Amino acid sequence: MTSSYTHDVLVIGSGAAGLTLALRLAEKARIAVICKGELNQGSTYYAQGGIAAVLDEQDTVDDHVTDTLAAGAQLCHDDTVRFTVANSRESIEWLVSQGVEFSRYPD
């Protein structure tokens, strides 16, 4: 039997970018997310490590940019890294409001 579905937006890929887009659009449109395997089998699901985010008064954007550029073997684009870090707090807060539970280590 053939099924028919109607959606406003088709998101291809279940990584961080695809799922974020789907969540952002879900209040305004009918969304379908498709991927080549299980939703939790992409690279994002298995990614380990921290997020370059300034979350307390002892952190600075410049420190995170410096660390990220060093970790990226100077292959990262400074302006892109700086934009990402400068906007990271808002992104983390949005993810928490969506129910994402982050590990929190004081050190």
N, C-alpha and C. Protein backbone atom coordinates (compact mmCIF):
# COMPACT_ATOMS: atom_id res chain seq x y z
N MET A 1 0.83 -1.16 0.00
CA MET A 1 0.00 0.00 0.00
C MET A 1 0.89 1.24 0.00
N THR A 2 0.57 2.20 -0.79
CA THR A 2 1.32 3.44 -0.89
C THR A 2 0.71 4.48 0.05
N SER A 3 1.58 5.13 0.81
CA SER A 3 1.13 6.19 1.71
C SER A 3 1.48 7.53 1.11
N SER A 4 0.68 8.51 1.44
CA SER A 4 0.92 9.86 0.96
C SER A 4 1.01 10.80 2.16
N TYR A 5 2.01 11.67 2.15
CA TYR A 5 2.21 12.62 3.24
C TYR A 5 2.29 14.02 2.66
N THR A 6 1.85 14.98 3.42
CA THR A 6 1.94 16.37 3.00
C THR A 6 2.69 17.15 4.06
N HIS A 7 3.76 17.82 3.62
CA HIS A 7 4.57 18.64 4.52
C HIS A 7 4.87 19.97 3.84
N ASP A 8 5.15 20.96 4.66
CA ASP A 8 5.57 22.25 4.13
C ASP A 8 7.08 22.30 3.90
N VAL A 9 7.81 21.61 4.77
CA VAL A 9 9.28 21.63 4.71
C VAL A 9 9.80 20.22 4.89
N LEU A 10 10.76 19.86 4.06
CA LEU A 10 11.45 18.58 4.18
C LEU A 10 12.88 18.88 4.59
N VAL A 11 13.28 18.38 5.76
CA VAL A 11 14.64 18.57 6.26
C VAL A 11 15.39 17.27 6.02
N ILE A 12 16.48 17.36 5.30
CA ILE A 12 17.28 16.18 4.99
C ILE A 12 18.49 16.18 5.91
N GLY A 13 18.52 15.22 6.82
CA GLY A 13 19.62 15.10 7.77
C GLY A 13 19.14 15.33 9.19
N SER A 14 19.62 14.49 10.10
CA SER A 14 19.18 14.56 11.50
C SER A 14 20.29 15.02 12.42
N GLY A 15 21.24 15.76 11.89
CA GLY A 15 22.29 16.32 12.73
C GLY A 15 21.79 17.55 13.46
N ALA A 16 22.71 18.21 14.14
CA ALA A 16 22.35 19.38 14.94
C ALA A 16 21.67 20.45 14.10
N ALA A 17 22.19 20.73 12.92
CA ALA A 17 21.61 21.78 12.09
C ALA A 17 20.21 21.41 11.60
N GLY A 18 20.05 20.20 11.13
CA GLY A 18 18.75 19.77 10.62
C GLY A 18 17.68 19.73 11.69
N LEU A 19 18.02 19.18 12.86
CA LEU A 19 17.03 19.10 13.92
C LEU A 19 16.73 20.47 14.52
N THR A 20 17.72 21.34 14.58
CA THR A 20 17.46 22.70 15.05
C THR A 20 16.50 23.42 14.11
N LEU A 21 16.75 23.29 12.83
CA LEU A 21 15.85 23.90 11.85
C LEU A 21 14.43 23.35 12.01
N ALA A 22 14.31 22.04 12.14
CA ALA A 22 12.99 21.43 12.29
C ALA A 22 12.28 21.95 13.53
N LEU A 23 12.99 22.05 14.64
CA LEU A 23 12.38 22.57 15.87
C LEU A 23 11.96 24.03 15.72
N ARG A 24 12.81 24.82 15.07
CA ARG A 24 12.50 26.25 14.90
C ARG A 24 11.27 26.46 14.00
N LEU A 25 11.09 25.62 13.01
CA LEU A 25 10.00 25.78 12.06
C LEU A 25 8.71 25.07 12.48
N ALA A 26 8.80 24.20 13.46
CA ALA A 26 7.67 23.33 13.81
C ALA A 26 6.41 24.09 14.21
N GLU A 27 6.55 25.27 14.78
CA GLU A 27 5.36 26.03 15.19
C GLU A 27 4.65 26.67 14.01
N LYS A 28 5.34 26.77 12.88
CA LYS A 28 4.78 27.48 11.73
C LYS A 28 4.51 26.60 10.52
N ALA A 29 5.04 25.40 10.54
CA ALA A 29 4.94 24.56 9.33
C ALA A 29 4.91 23.09 9.72
N ARG A 30 4.45 22.29 8.77
CA ARG A 30 4.48 20.83 8.95
C ARG A 30 5.83 20.35 8.43
N ILE A 31 6.59 19.72 9.31
CA ILE A 31 7.98 19.36 9.03
C ILE A 31 8.13 17.85 8.94
N ALA A 32 8.96 17.42 8.01
CA ALA A 32 9.40 16.03 7.96
C ALA A 32 10.92 16.03 7.96
N VAL A 33 11.49 15.17 8.79
CA VAL A 33 12.94 15.00 8.85
C VAL A 33 13.24 13.61 8.31
N ILE A 34 14.12 13.56 7.31
CA ILE A 34 14.52 12.25 6.79
C ILE A 34 16.04 12.14 6.91
N CYS A 35 16.48 10.91 7.10
CA CYS A 35 17.92 10.66 7.17
C CYS A 35 18.17 9.25 6.65
N LYS A 36 19.43 8.95 6.41
CA LYS A 36 19.76 7.67 5.79
C LYS A 36 19.72 6.49 6.75
N GLY A 37 19.62 6.76 8.04
CA GLY A 37 19.57 5.70 9.04
C GLY A 37 18.66 6.11 10.17
N GLU A 38 18.98 5.65 11.36
CA GLU A 38 18.24 6.03 12.55
C GLU A 38 18.54 7.49 12.88
N LEU A 39 17.60 8.17 13.51
CA LEU A 39 17.79 9.59 13.85
C LEU A 39 19.01 9.82 14.73
N ASN A 40 19.37 8.86 15.55
CA ASN A 40 20.49 9.05 16.46
C ASN A 40 21.79 8.40 15.96
N GLN A 41 21.93 8.20 14.68
CA GLN A 41 23.13 7.56 14.15
C GLN A 41 24.09 8.53 13.47
N GLY A 42 23.80 9.80 13.48
CA GLY A 42 24.67 10.77 12.83
C GLY A 42 25.84 11.18 13.71
N SER A 43 26.72 11.96 13.14
CA SER A 43 27.92 12.42 13.85
C SER A 43 27.58 13.25 15.08
N THR A 44 26.55 14.07 15.00
CA THR A 44 26.20 14.94 16.11
C THR A 44 25.88 14.14 17.36
N TYR A 45 25.18 13.04 17.20
CA TYR A 45 24.80 12.22 18.35
C TYR A 45 26.03 11.69 19.07
N TYR A 46 27.08 11.36 18.32
CA TYR A 46 28.27 10.78 18.91
C TYR A 46 29.36 11.81 19.25
N ALA A 47 29.13 13.06 18.93
CA ALA A 47 30.13 14.09 19.21
C ALA A 47 30.39 14.19 20.71
N GLN A 48 31.64 14.31 21.04
CA GLN A 48 32.02 14.46 22.44
C GLN A 48 32.82 15.74 22.58
N GLY A 49 32.81 16.27 23.74
CA GLY A 49 33.57 17.49 23.99
C GLY A 49 32.66 18.62 24.37
N GLY A 50 33.25 19.74 24.58
CA GLY A 50 32.51 20.89 25.04
C GLY A 50 31.97 21.73 23.91
N ILE A 51 31.23 22.72 24.29
CA ILE A 51 30.70 23.70 23.36
C ILE A 51 31.38 25.02 23.69
N ALA A 52 31.87 25.69 22.68
CA ALA A 52 32.55 26.97 22.90
C ALA A 52 31.52 28.04 23.23
N ALA A 53 31.19 28.11 24.51
CA ALA A 53 30.17 29.05 24.96
C ALA A 53 30.64 29.80 26.19
N VAL A 54 30.39 31.09 26.21
CA VAL A 54 30.73 31.92 27.36
C VAL A 54 29.53 31.92 28.30
N LEU A 55 29.67 31.18 29.39
CA LEU A 55 28.53 30.99 30.29
C LEU A 55 28.74 31.58 31.68
N ASP A 56 29.93 32.03 32.00
CA ASP A 56 30.11 32.67 33.29
C ASP A 56 31.05 33.87 33.17
N GLU A 57 31.15 34.62 34.25
CA GLU A 57 31.88 35.89 34.22
C GLU A 57 33.39 35.72 34.05
N GLN A 58 33.91 34.54 34.32
CA GLN A 58 35.35 34.31 34.20
C GLN A 58 35.75 33.95 32.77
N ASP A 59 34.79 33.64 31.93
CA ASP A 59 35.03 33.30 30.53
C ASP A 59 34.99 34.56 29.67
N THR A 60 35.66 34.50 28.53
CA THR A 60 35.56 35.59 27.55
C THR A 60 35.43 35.00 26.16
N VAL A 61 34.82 35.76 25.28
CA VAL A 61 34.73 35.35 23.87
C VAL A 61 36.13 35.16 23.31
N ASP A 62 37.03 36.09 23.59
CA ASP A 62 38.39 36.00 23.05
C ASP A 62 39.09 34.71 23.48
N ASP A 63 38.92 34.31 24.75
CA ASP A 63 39.54 33.06 25.21
C ASP A 63 39.02 31.86 24.44
N HIS A 64 37.71 31.81 24.24
CA HIS A 64 37.12 30.69 23.50
C HIS A 64 37.55 30.70 22.03
N VAL A 65 37.63 31.87 21.44
CA VAL A 65 38.07 31.97 20.04
C VAL A 65 39.50 31.46 19.93
N THR A 66 40.37 31.89 20.82
CA THR A 66 41.77 31.45 20.81
C THR A 66 41.85 29.93 20.95
N ASP A 67 41.11 29.36 21.91
CA ASP A 67 41.12 27.91 22.12
C ASP A 67 40.60 27.16 20.89
N THR A 68 39.51 27.66 20.31
CA THR A 68 38.91 26.99 19.15
C THR A 68 39.84 27.03 17.94
N LEU A 69 40.47 28.18 17.71
CA LEU A 69 41.41 28.28 16.59
C LEU A 69 42.59 27.35 16.79
N ALA A 70 43.08 27.24 18.01
CA ALA A 70 44.20 26.32 18.29
C ALA A 70 43.77 24.87 18.08
N ALA A 71 42.59 24.51 18.60
CA ALA A 71 42.09 23.13 18.45
C ALA A 71 41.83 22.79 16.99
N GLY A 72 41.50 23.80 16.20
CA GLY A 72 41.23 23.60 14.78
C GLY A 72 42.47 23.73 13.91
N ALA A 73 43.64 23.68 14.53
CA ALA A 73 44.93 23.74 13.82
C ALA A 73 45.01 24.96 12.91
N GLN A 74 44.39 26.06 13.35
CA GLN A 74 44.38 27.32 12.60
C GLN A 74 43.68 27.19 11.23
N LEU A 75 42.87 26.16 11.05
CA LEU A 75 42.13 25.97 9.80
C LEU A 75 40.75 26.62 9.84
N CYS A 76 40.32 27.01 11.03
CA CYS A 76 39.00 27.64 11.19
C CYS A 76 39.06 29.09 10.72
N HIS A 77 37.94 29.61 10.31
CA HIS A 77 37.84 31.01 9.93
C HIS A 77 37.55 31.82 11.18
N ASP A 78 38.45 32.75 11.49
CA ASP A 78 38.34 33.55 12.71
C ASP A 78 36.98 34.23 12.84
N ASP A 79 36.47 34.83 11.76
CA ASP A 79 35.19 35.54 11.85
C ASP A 79 34.03 34.59 12.13
N THR A 80 34.09 33.39 11.59
CA THR A 80 33.03 32.40 11.82
C THR A 80 33.08 31.91 13.26
N VAL A 81 34.28 31.62 13.74
CA VAL A 81 34.43 31.17 15.13
C VAL A 81 33.95 32.26 16.08
N ARG A 82 34.36 33.49 15.83
CA ARG A 82 33.98 34.61 16.70
C ARG A 82 32.45 34.78 16.72
N PHE A 83 31.79 34.70 15.57
CA PHE A 83 30.33 34.81 15.50
C PHE A 83 29.67 33.70 16.30
N THR A 84 30.16 32.48 16.12
CA THR A 84 29.57 31.33 16.80
C THR A 84 29.70 31.47 18.31
N VAL A 85 30.89 31.81 18.78
CA VAL A 85 31.11 31.95 20.22
C VAL A 85 30.30 33.12 20.79
N ALA A 86 30.26 34.22 20.08
CA ALA A 86 29.54 35.41 20.56
C ALA A 86 28.05 35.14 20.71
N ASN A 87 27.52 34.21 19.94
CA ASN A 87 26.09 33.89 19.98
C ASN A 87 25.78 32.59 20.71
N SER A 88 26.79 32.00 21.30
CA SER A 88 26.63 30.67 21.89
C SER A 88 25.73 30.65 23.13
N ARG A 89 25.81 31.65 23.96
CA ARG A 89 25.00 31.64 25.18
C ARG A 89 23.51 31.57 24.85
N GLU A 90 23.07 32.39 23.92
CA GLU A 90 21.67 32.37 23.50
C GLU A 90 21.28 31.00 22.94
N SER A 91 22.18 30.39 22.19
CA SER A 91 21.90 29.07 21.62
C SER A 91 21.79 28.01 22.71
N ILE A 92 22.69 28.04 23.67
CA ILE A 92 22.64 27.09 24.78
C ILE A 92 21.34 27.27 25.57
N GLU A 93 20.99 28.51 25.86
CA GLU A 93 19.75 28.76 26.60
C GLU A 93 18.53 28.24 25.83
N TRP A 94 18.54 28.39 24.50
CA TRP A 94 17.43 27.88 23.70
C TRP A 94 17.38 26.35 23.77
N LEU A 95 18.55 25.71 23.66
CA LEU A 95 18.59 24.25 23.74
C LEU A 95 18.07 23.75 25.09
N VAL A 96 18.47 24.41 26.17
CA VAL A 96 17.98 24.04 27.50
C VAL A 96 16.47 24.20 27.56
N SER A 97 15.93 25.26 26.97
CA SER A 97 14.48 25.46 26.98
C SER A 97 13.76 24.39 26.16
N GLN A 98 14.48 23.72 25.27
CA GLN A 98 13.90 22.63 24.48
C GLN A 98 14.01 21.29 25.19
N GLY A 99 14.67 21.28 26.36
CA GLY A 99 14.78 20.05 27.14
C GLY A 99 16.12 19.34 27.03
N VAL A 100 17.09 19.94 26.37
CA VAL A 100 18.41 19.32 26.28
C VAL A 100 19.06 19.39 27.65
N GLU A 101 19.57 18.26 28.11
CA GLU A 101 20.24 18.21 29.41
C GLU A 101 21.74 18.13 29.18
N PHE A 102 22.43 19.16 29.57
CA PHE A 102 23.89 19.20 29.43
C PHE A 102 24.54 18.71 30.71
N SER A 103 25.69 18.06 30.56
CA SER A 103 26.52 17.74 31.72
C SER A 103 27.14 19.05 32.19
N ARG A 104 27.17 19.24 33.47
CA ARG A 104 27.73 20.48 34.01
C ARG A 104 28.86 20.12 34.95
N TYR A 105 30.05 20.57 34.57
CA TYR A 105 31.24 20.36 35.38
C TYR A 105 31.79 21.71 35.78
N PRO A 106 31.89 21.98 37.07
CA PRO A 106 32.32 23.31 37.51
C PRO A 106 33.73 23.67 37.09
N ASP A 107 34.59 22.72 36.84
CA ASP A 107 35.96 23.02 36.43
C ASP A 107 36.09 22.96 34.94
